[in-house]
Protein backbone atom coordinates (compact mmCIF):
# COMPACT_ATOMS: atom_id res chain seq x y z
CA UNK A 1 -16.19 43.64 28.99
CA UNK A 2 -14.61 42.55 25.72
CA UNK A 3 -12.02 39.87 25.13
CA UNK A 4 -9.55 41.94 23.14
CA UNK A 5 -8.99 44.27 26.11
CA UNK A 6 -9.10 41.40 28.58
CA UNK A 7 -6.25 39.67 26.73
CA UNK A 8 -3.90 42.63 27.07
CA UNK A 9 -0.26 41.70 26.51
CA UNK A 10 0.93 44.98 27.97
CA UNK A 11 3.26 44.37 30.91
CA UNK A 12 2.78 46.06 34.24
CA UNK A 13 5.30 48.91 34.25
CA UNK A 14 5.31 49.27 30.44
CA UNK A 15 4.37 52.49 28.68
CA UNK A 16 3.49 50.81 25.37
CA UNK A 17 1.03 48.15 24.31
CA UNK A 18 2.14 44.86 22.77
CA UNK A 19 0.52 43.20 19.77
CA UNK A 20 -0.23 39.46 19.71
CA UNK A 21 0.83 39.03 16.07
CA UNK A 22 4.27 40.45 16.86
CA UNK A 23 5.03 37.80 19.47
CA UNK A 24 7.85 35.28 19.23
CA UNK A 25 5.98 31.99 18.80
CA UNK A 26 8.74 30.06 20.59
CA UNK A 27 8.07 31.96 23.84
CA UNK A 28 4.75 33.78 23.94
CA UNK A 29 4.30 36.83 26.14
CA UNK A 30 1.86 35.05 28.42
CA UNK A 31 4.29 32.15 28.80
CA UNK A 32 6.92 34.61 30.01
CA UNK A 33 4.54 35.37 32.91
CA UNK A 34 4.70 31.74 34.01
CA UNK A 35 8.50 31.76 33.83
CA UNK A 36 8.78 34.95 35.88
CA UNK A 37 6.56 33.57 38.62
CA UNK A 38 8.34 30.23 38.84
CA UNK A 39 11.80 31.84 39.09
CA UNK A 40 10.74 34.34 41.76
CA UNK A 41 11.95 34.00 45.34
CA UNK A 42 8.37 34.42 46.59
CA UNK A 43 7.31 31.33 44.65
CA UNK A 44 10.33 29.37 45.80
CA UNK A 45 9.38 29.82 49.48
CA UNK A 46 6.14 27.90 48.83
CA UNK A 47 8.14 24.66 48.89
CA UNK A 48 8.10 24.85 52.70
CA UNK A 49 4.70 26.39 53.34
CA UNK A 50 1.72 24.45 54.59
CA UNK A 51 -1.08 23.41 52.26
CA UNK A 52 -3.06 21.32 54.75
CA UNK A 53 -0.71 19.50 57.11
CA UNK A 54 1.81 21.86 58.73
CA UNK A 55 5.42 20.65 58.91
CA UNK A 56 4.56 17.14 57.73
CA UNK A 57 7.41 14.66 57.97
CA UNK A 58 6.10 12.53 55.11
CA UNK A 59 7.11 12.91 51.47
CA UNK A 60 3.67 12.58 49.88
CA UNK A 61 1.78 15.43 51.55
CA UNK A 62 1.32 18.54 49.43
CA UNK A 63 2.99 21.85 50.20
CA UNK A 64 1.84 25.19 48.81
CA UNK A 65 4.37 24.72 46.01
CA UNK A 66 3.18 21.30 44.82
CA UNK A 67 -0.40 22.46 45.20
CA UNK A 68 0.29 25.57 43.09
CA UNK A 69 1.97 23.54 40.36
CA UNK A 70 -1.00 21.17 40.20
CA UNK A 71 -3.49 24.05 40.14
CA UNK A 72 -1.56 25.61 37.24
CA UNK A 73 -1.81 22.36 35.25
CA UNK A 74 -5.58 22.17 35.79
CA UNK A 75 -5.98 25.88 34.99
CA UNK A 76 -4.01 25.49 31.76
CA UNK A 77 -6.35 22.70 30.63
CA UNK A 78 -9.39 24.80 31.50
CA UNK A 79 -7.96 27.81 29.64
CA UNK A 80 -7.22 25.83 26.49
CA UNK A 81 -10.66 24.18 26.41
CA UNK A 82 -12.40 27.53 26.87
CA UNK A 83 -10.01 29.33 24.50
CA UNK A 84 -10.69 26.90 21.69
CA UNK A 85 -14.42 27.59 21.88
CA UNK A 86 -14.06 31.34 22.32
CA UNK A 87 -11.94 31.63 19.18
CA UNK A 88 -14.77 29.98 17.27
CA UNK A 89 -17.32 32.35 18.82
CA UNK A 90 -15.09 35.42 18.30
CA UNK A 91 -13.19 34.87 15.03
CA UNK A 92 -11.77 38.41 15.23
CA UNK A 93 -9.56 37.22 18.08
CA UNK A 94 -8.14 34.49 15.87
CA UNK A 95 -7.52 37.05 13.14
CA UNK A 96 -5.44 39.05 15.62
CA UNK A 97 -3.27 36.01 16.23
CA UNK A 98 -4.70 34.61 19.48
CA UNK A 99 -4.58 30.83 19.99
CA UNK A 100 -6.16 28.46 22.55
CA UNK A 101 -2.73 28.18 24.14
CA UNK A 102 -2.82 31.91 24.99
CA UNK A 103 -5.83 31.34 27.24
CA UNK A 104 -4.10 28.34 28.78
CA UNK A 105 -0.89 30.29 29.37
CA UNK A 106 -2.73 33.15 31.11
CA UNK A 107 -4.69 30.87 33.43
CA UNK A 108 -1.64 28.70 34.16
CA UNK A 109 0.50 31.70 35.14
CA UNK A 110 -2.23 33.25 37.28
CA UNK A 111 -2.90 29.90 38.96
CA UNK A 112 0.80 29.35 39.60
CA UNK A 113 0.85 32.64 41.50
CA UNK A 114 -2.49 32.25 43.27
CA UNK A 115 -0.95 31.41 46.69
CA UNK A 116 2.23 33.47 46.35
CA UNK A 117 1.14 35.96 49.02
CA UNK A 118 0.02 33.46 51.65
CA UNK A 119 1.75 33.46 55.08
CA UNK A 120 3.29 30.36 56.69
CA UNK A 121 1.17 27.80 58.55
CA UNK A 122 -1.67 27.59 56.04
CA UNK A 123 -4.86 29.63 56.18
CA UNK A 124 -4.41 29.96 59.93
CA UNK A 125 -1.44 32.21 59.10
CA UNK A 126 -3.77 34.80 57.59
CA UNK A 127 -6.05 34.56 60.61
CA UNK A 128 -3.10 34.86 62.99
CA UNK A 129 -1.99 38.14 61.40
CA UNK A 130 -5.55 39.49 61.40
CA UNK A 131 -6.18 38.57 65.02
CA UNK A 132 -2.89 40.09 66.15
CA UNK A 133 -4.40 43.46 65.21
CA UNK A 134 -8.03 42.72 66.00
CA UNK A 135 -7.62 41.21 69.48
CA UNK A 136 -3.87 41.11 70.18
CA UNK A 137 -1.05 43.56 70.83
CA UNK A 138 -1.57 45.19 67.44
CA UNK A 139 -4.75 46.91 68.67
CA UNK A 140 -2.61 49.85 69.80
CA UNK A 141 -2.10 50.95 66.18
CA UNK A 142 -5.78 51.38 65.29
CA UNK A 143 -5.98 55.11 66.02
CA UNK A 144 -3.03 55.80 63.70
CA UNK A 145 -4.73 54.27 60.65
CA UNK A 146 -7.69 55.00 58.41
CA UNK A 147 -10.67 52.61 58.61
CA UNK A 148 -9.68 50.98 55.30
CA UNK A 149 -6.05 50.60 56.34
CA UNK A 150 -7.17 49.05 59.60
CA UNK A 151 -9.51 46.67 57.79
CA UNK A 152 -6.60 45.57 55.55
CA UNK A 153 -4.82 44.42 58.69
CA UNK A 154 -7.59 42.83 60.75
CA UNK A 155 -8.78 40.89 57.69
CA UNK A 156 -5.26 40.27 56.36
CA UNK A 157 -5.68 38.61 52.98
CA UNK A 158 -3.17 36.45 51.10
CA UNK A 159 -4.74 37.39 47.77
CA UNK A 160 -4.10 41.09 48.42
CA UNK A 161 -0.56 40.35 49.55
CA UNK A 162 -0.05 38.35 46.36
CA UNK A 163 -1.12 41.32 44.25
CA UNK A 164 1.36 43.43 46.22
CA UNK A 165 4.18 40.99 45.45
CA UNK A 166 3.33 40.85 41.75
CA UNK A 167 3.12 44.63 41.25
CA UNK A 168 5.22 46.52 43.80
CA UNK A 169 8.58 48.02 42.86
CA UNK A 170 11.40 45.98 44.34
CA UNK A 171 15.10 46.80 44.50
CA UNK A 172 14.94 49.24 41.59
CA UNK A 173 12.68 47.07 39.40
CA UNK A 174 9.50 48.95 38.50
CA UNK A 175 6.31 46.97 38.18
CA UNK A 176 7.18 44.00 40.40
CA UNK A 177 7.47 40.83 38.33
CA UNK A 178 6.23 42.83 35.31
CA UNK A 179 3.52 40.36 34.37
CA UNK A 180 1.02 40.99 31.59
CA UNK A 181 -2.16 42.81 32.54
CA UNK A 182 -4.16 39.79 31.37
CA UNK A 183 -2.41 37.53 33.88
CA UNK A 184 -2.77 40.09 36.68
CA UNK A 185 -6.48 40.31 35.89
CA UNK A 186 -6.91 36.53 35.94
CA UNK A 187 -5.04 36.44 39.27
CA UNK A 188 -7.49 38.83 40.99
CA UNK A 189 -10.33 36.69 42.34
CA UNK A 190 -11.68 39.53 44.52
CA UNK A 191 -11.17 42.84 42.66
CA UNK A 192 -12.33 45.09 45.49
CA UNK A 193 -10.92 46.85 48.56
CA UNK A 194 -11.41 45.71 52.15
CA UNK A 195 -14.17 48.25 52.92
CA UNK A 196 -17.05 48.59 52.67
CA UNK A 197 -18.15 45.06 53.46
CA UNK A 198 -21.36 44.23 51.65
CA UNK A 199 -23.94 41.63 52.78
CA UNK A 200 -23.91 40.27 49.25
CA UNK A 201 -24.01 36.77 47.75
CA UNK A 202 -21.76 37.87 44.87
CA UNK A 203 -18.53 35.85 44.83
CA UNK A 204 -16.42 39.02 44.55
CA UNK A 205 -17.69 40.20 47.96
CA UNK A 206 -16.37 37.08 49.72
CA UNK A 207 -12.93 38.65 50.37
CA UNK A 208 -10.82 41.54 49.03
CA UNK A 209 -8.00 41.62 46.51
CA UNK A 210 -5.67 44.55 47.20
CA UNK A 211 -4.37 46.64 50.07
CA UNK A 212 -4.69 50.42 50.22
CA UNK A 213 -0.98 50.59 49.38
CA UNK A 214 -1.73 49.13 45.92
CA UNK A 215 -4.88 51.08 45.17
CA UNK A 216 -3.37 52.96 42.21
CA UNK A 217 -1.84 49.77 40.79
CA UNK A 218 -5.21 48.09 41.00
CA UNK A 219 -7.00 50.96 39.26
CA UNK A 220 -4.41 50.88 36.49
CA UNK A 221 -4.96 47.16 35.88
CA UNK A 222 -8.76 47.50 36.00
CA UNK A 223 -8.79 50.37 33.48
CA UNK A 224 -6.34 48.69 31.08
CA UNK A 225 -8.43 45.50 31.02
CA UNK A 226 -11.77 47.29 30.84
CA UNK A 227 -13.16 45.63 33.96
CA UNK A 228 -16.67 46.84 34.73
CA UNK A 229 -17.73 48.18 38.10
CA UNK A 230 -19.50 45.74 40.40
CA UNK A 231 -22.13 48.21 41.61
CA UNK A 232 -23.53 51.58 40.63
CA UNK A 233 -22.05 53.41 43.61
CA UNK A 234 -18.75 54.87 44.75
CA UNK A 235 -17.29 51.57 45.98
CA UNK A 236 -13.97 50.59 44.46
CA UNK A 237 -15.20 47.16 43.41
CA UNK A 238 -15.12 45.57 39.97
CA UNK A 239 -16.41 42.48 38.25
CA UNK A 240 -13.86 39.75 37.78
CA UNK A 241 -11.71 39.20 34.75
CA UNK A 242 -13.54 36.20 33.23
CA UNK A 243 -10.46 33.97 33.36
CA UNK A 244 -10.31 34.46 37.14
CA UNK A 245 -13.31 32.11 37.30
CA UNK A 246 -11.18 29.40 35.69
CA UNK A 247 -8.26 30.02 38.06
CA UNK A 248 -10.64 29.75 41.01
CA UNK A 249 -12.16 26.55 39.61
CA UNK A 250 -8.71 25.00 39.20
CA UNK A 251 -7.91 25.79 42.84
CA UNK A 252 -11.28 24.45 44.01
CA UNK A 253 -10.81 21.22 42.04
CA UNK A 254 -7.32 20.60 43.39
CA UNK A 255 -7.91 21.31 47.05
CA UNK A 256 -11.18 19.37 47.04
CA UNK A 257 -9.65 16.22 45.57
CA UNK A 258 -6.02 16.40 46.62
CA UNK A 259 -6.47 17.57 50.23
CA UNK A 260 -8.82 14.60 50.52
CA UNK A 261 -6.10 12.37 49.04
CA UNK A 262 -3.57 13.69 51.58
CA UNK A 263 -5.98 12.84 54.39
CA UNK A 264 -6.29 9.30 53.10
CA UNK A 265 -2.53 8.88 52.71
CA UNK A 266 -1.98 10.12 56.28
CA UNK A 267 -4.53 7.70 57.66
CA UNK A 268 -6.86 10.47 58.78
CA UNK A 269 -9.61 9.10 56.52
CA UNK A 270 -10.31 5.38 56.14
CA UNK A 271 -9.54 4.04 52.66
CA UNK A 272 -12.88 2.31 52.10
CA UNK A 273 -14.75 5.42 53.22
CA UNK A 274 -12.66 7.77 51.08
CA UNK A 275 -12.76 5.73 47.90
CA UNK A 276 -16.54 5.49 48.14
CA UNK A 277 -16.83 9.29 48.16
CA UNK A 278 -14.50 9.62 45.16
CA UNK A 279 -16.39 6.96 43.23
CA UNK A 280 -19.53 9.08 43.63
CA UNK A 281 -17.77 11.75 41.55
CA UNK A 282 -16.83 9.42 38.69
CA UNK A 283 -19.72 6.98 38.37
CA UNK A 284 -20.41 8.17 34.81
CA UNK A 285 -16.85 7.60 33.59
CA UNK A 286 -15.30 4.86 35.73
CA UNK A 287 -14.19 1.61 34.10
CA UNK A 288 -15.18 -0.79 36.88
CA UNK A 289 -13.31 -3.72 35.37
CA UNK A 290 -10.08 -1.73 35.25
CA UNK A 291 -10.64 -0.37 38.73
CA UNK A 292 -11.09 -3.81 40.32
CA UNK A 293 -7.86 -5.00 38.69
CA UNK A 294 -5.86 -2.40 40.62
CA UNK A 295 -4.11 -4.08 43.57
CA UNK A 296 -2.86 -1.22 45.76
CA UNK A 297 -4.48 1.71 47.53
CA UNK A 298 -2.10 4.06 45.74
CA UNK A 299 -3.13 2.80 42.30
CA UNK A 300 -6.85 2.89 43.09
CA UNK A 301 -6.56 6.37 44.50
CA UNK A 302 -4.52 7.65 41.54
CA UNK A 303 -7.07 6.27 39.07
CA UNK A 304 -10.03 7.84 40.88
CA UNK A 305 -8.21 11.14 41.36
CA UNK A 306 -7.40 11.42 37.65
CA UNK A 307 -10.99 10.65 36.68
CA UNK A 308 -12.44 13.06 39.23
CA UNK A 309 -10.19 15.93 38.18
CA UNK A 310 -10.94 15.24 34.51
CA UNK A 311 -14.69 15.23 35.13
CA UNK A 312 -14.55 18.48 37.11
CA UNK A 313 -12.38 20.18 34.45
CA UNK A 314 -14.92 19.36 31.75
CA UNK A 315 -17.81 20.40 33.97
CA UNK A 316 -16.22 23.73 34.93
CA UNK A 317 -15.34 24.53 31.31
CA UNK A 318 -18.90 23.76 30.18
CA UNK A 319 -20.42 25.96 32.89
CA UNK A 320 -18.08 28.80 31.94
CA UNK A 321 -18.99 28.57 28.25
CA UNK A 322 -22.70 28.32 29.00
CA UNK A 323 -22.51 31.48 31.11
CA UNK A 324 -19.81 33.39 29.21
CA UNK A 325 -22.18 36.15 28.12
CA UNK A 326 -23.33 36.75 31.70
CA UNK A 327 -19.72 36.65 32.92
CA UNK A 328 -18.76 39.37 30.44
CA UNK A 329 -21.75 41.43 31.58
CA UNK A 330 -20.81 40.95 35.23
CA UNK A 331 -24.11 39.28 36.13
CA UNK A 332 -22.68 35.83 36.99
CA UNK A 333 -22.38 35.80 40.78
CA UNK A 334 -21.16 32.32 41.70
CA UNK A 335 -18.05 30.22 41.46
CA UNK A 336 -18.20 27.72 38.59
CA UNK A 337 -18.28 24.65 40.84
CA UNK A 338 -21.20 26.09 42.81
CA UNK A 339 -23.21 25.60 39.63
CA UNK A 340 -21.97 22.14 38.66
CA UNK A 341 -23.89 18.86 38.73
CA UNK A 342 -21.38 17.41 41.21
CA UNK A 343 -22.04 20.09 43.84
CA UNK A 344 -23.53 17.64 46.36
CA UNK A 345 -20.64 15.18 45.98
CA UNK A 346 -18.08 17.98 46.33
CA UNK A 347 -19.78 19.26 49.49
CA UNK A 348 -19.75 15.74 50.95
CA UNK A 349 -15.99 15.49 50.37
CA UNK A 350 -15.39 18.95 51.85
CA UNK A 351 -17.38 18.09 54.98
CA UNK A 352 -15.26 15.00 55.54
CA UNK A 353 -12.06 16.98 54.91
CA UNK A 354 -13.07 19.62 57.47
CA UNK A 355 -13.94 17.04 60.09
CA UNK A 356 -11.12 14.55 59.56
CA UNK A 357 -8.26 16.70 58.20
CA UNK A 358 -8.57 20.44 58.81
CA UNK A 359 -9.86 19.89 62.37
CA UNK A 360 -7.60 16.94 63.17
CA UNK A 361 -5.49 17.10 66.33
CA UNK A 362 -2.23 17.12 64.31
CA UNK A 363 -3.29 20.12 62.24
CA UNK A 364 -4.82 22.09 65.13
CA UNK A 365 -1.79 21.65 67.40
CA UNK A 366 0.60 22.97 64.76
CA UNK A 367 -1.70 25.83 63.79
CA UNK A 368 -1.86 26.92 67.43
CA UNK A 369 1.94 26.99 67.50
CA UNK A 370 1.85 29.03 64.28
CA UNK A 371 -0.43 31.62 65.90
CA UNK A 372 2.05 32.11 68.74
CA UNK A 373 5.06 32.33 66.40
CA UNK A 374 3.47 34.84 64.01
CA UNK A 375 2.19 37.04 66.84
CA UNK A 376 5.61 37.10 68.49
CA UNK A 377 7.42 37.96 65.23
CA UNK A 378 4.97 40.75 64.43
CA UNK A 379 5.50 42.22 67.89
CA UNK A 380 9.28 42.25 67.66
CA UNK A 381 9.68 43.51 64.09
CA UNK A 382 6.90 46.15 64.07
CA UNK A 383 8.17 47.54 67.36
CA UNK A 384 11.76 47.72 66.10
CA UNK A 385 10.81 49.37 62.80
CA UNK A 386 8.57 51.97 64.44
CA UNK A 387 11.20 52.84 67.04
CA UNK A 388 13.76 53.33 64.29
CA UNK A 389 11.52 55.88 62.54
CA UNK A 390 10.93 57.62 65.88
CA UNK A 391 14.70 57.75 66.50
CA UNK A 392 14.11 55.75 69.65
CA UNK A 393 15.58 52.39 68.67
CA UNK A 394 17.62 50.39 71.15
CA UNK A 395 20.67 48.39 70.13
CA UNK A 396 18.42 45.30 70.25
CA UNK A 397 15.94 46.93 67.84
CA UNK A 398 18.76 47.80 65.46
CA UNK A 399 20.00 44.21 65.51
CA UNK A 400 16.47 42.93 64.87
CA UNK A 401 16.22 45.15 61.77
CA UNK A 402 19.44 43.64 60.42
CA UNK A 403 17.35 40.49 59.94
CA UNK A 404 14.84 42.43 57.80
CA UNK A 405 15.65 42.30 54.06
CA UNK A 406 16.18 45.70 52.42
CA UNK A 407 13.07 45.49 50.28
CA UNK A 408 10.93 45.69 53.44
CA UNK A 409 12.76 48.79 54.70
CA UNK A 410 11.79 50.94 51.70
CA UNK A 411 8.83 53.35 51.41
CA UNK A 412 7.99 53.13 55.11
CA UNK A 413 7.25 56.77 55.97
CA UNK A 414 3.78 56.12 57.40
CA UNK A 415 2.69 53.83 60.20
CA UNK A 416 0.52 51.86 57.76
CA UNK A 417 3.41 51.31 55.35
CA UNK A 418 5.69 50.11 58.13
CA UNK A 419 3.15 47.70 59.59
CA UNK A 420 2.21 46.32 56.18
CA UNK A 421 5.88 45.86 55.28
CA UNK A 422 6.37 43.69 58.35
CA UNK A 423 3.19 41.73 57.61
CA UNK A 424 4.50 41.11 54.09
CA UNK A 425 7.89 40.06 55.46
CA UNK A 426 6.33 37.59 57.91
CA UNK A 427 4.16 36.29 55.08
CA UNK A 428 7.21 35.67 52.93
CA UNK A 429 8.72 33.27 55.47
CA UNK A 430 8.49 29.52 55.04
CA UNK A 431 7.12 27.50 57.96
CA UNK A 432 10.55 26.26 59.00
CA UNK A 433 12.26 29.63 58.71
CA UNK A 434 9.54 31.35 60.75
CA UNK A 435 10.13 28.78 63.50
CA UNK A 436 13.90 29.23 63.25
CA UNK A 437 13.80 33.05 63.52
CA UNK A 438 11.34 32.80 66.40
CA UNK A 439 13.61 30.42 68.32
CA UNK A 440 16.67 32.58 67.72
CA UNK A 441 14.92 35.75 68.87
CA UNK A 442 13.71 33.94 71.98
CA UNK A 443 17.27 32.76 72.67
CA UNK A 444 16.25 29.11 72.43
CA UNK A 445 18.99 28.30 69.89
CA UNK A 446 22.22 30.01 68.80
């Protein structure tokens, strides 16, 4: 892969390329990507979607929106650090007008959008959709779908749904949000389809990045950016855009540190215990005199969090630059933090987070409720949409479809398209709105 192609300013849906030197310096093309994501309705719904604690009544626990904003800040820093060094290594990029801020703008926009396709109720929302088809009422549709279409559903993936949101035509607008190809590339952490599944240790094989409905869109992005194939076979799987490693690292840094912080603030993790684990991450940079002068838990935690994030940003950027040649060749198989010197400390924090936060009674109880709500909504809406296309809809079905926004009623000729449209609709709902619709359909409130 080469950086000039990877930094494509061409917008999805465009027929012409754009040149970096022709850009308005007051609002660069890659910065427009950030603006388009932040003003989108899909991004707005993240304000009431679970990050860790579903439906928290406190004002300091992160939602998907605050998490995404923080990830974008970290990603921007990573992009600028890396961009500065790459422009020294590849002076031809500087001659074409590229600046360190371009790298930061791409990674910030991609990171801002990284959770835009996730369903309500946290990661359990993805599992709830998948299990509806794998073990629930959705099993009846299997024989009407191809193996790859079926795999898209039973392994429903927020990353793939995010790519769908960013690229699909909506209400007459071709090309979705019309982001630059560079940003779309940096967004795709898993540039492969749902099948075949490979018993591979390569990071790309961990999940998948697009549904069968977006296969042509994906190919278009991969060709424009010059992504290389992951394997020498017929699989539709590609190596990552290099900047996707930075977006992933930003996400890893934020959820490692900030989910842990949420657990401490909620009282799920004891302060003395938690601060000790964070100190292990910052022993090389902590000012112990300053730290011991801090009087409140909030101040101590804020200081350690800032140091920890700063250390991990520098570490991730260094690992990227040390392995940049291998990344361009497609031979780098790990996430950046898997290779960092703080790996043991990060794993210790994640183990505590799993035990004390993710598996806490408060989280589990609300995730169980989320399973029931998502399954019920899928049942009602898929059934109504299918009956409409079979000219067999009852008056109740017709009323149900009045609740479905028009964008999810388009291009639904096949069973797969109809089911995926409903999955995307359910995914677009905030936690509170999913609960509200569920209660109304059940007749529990008027």
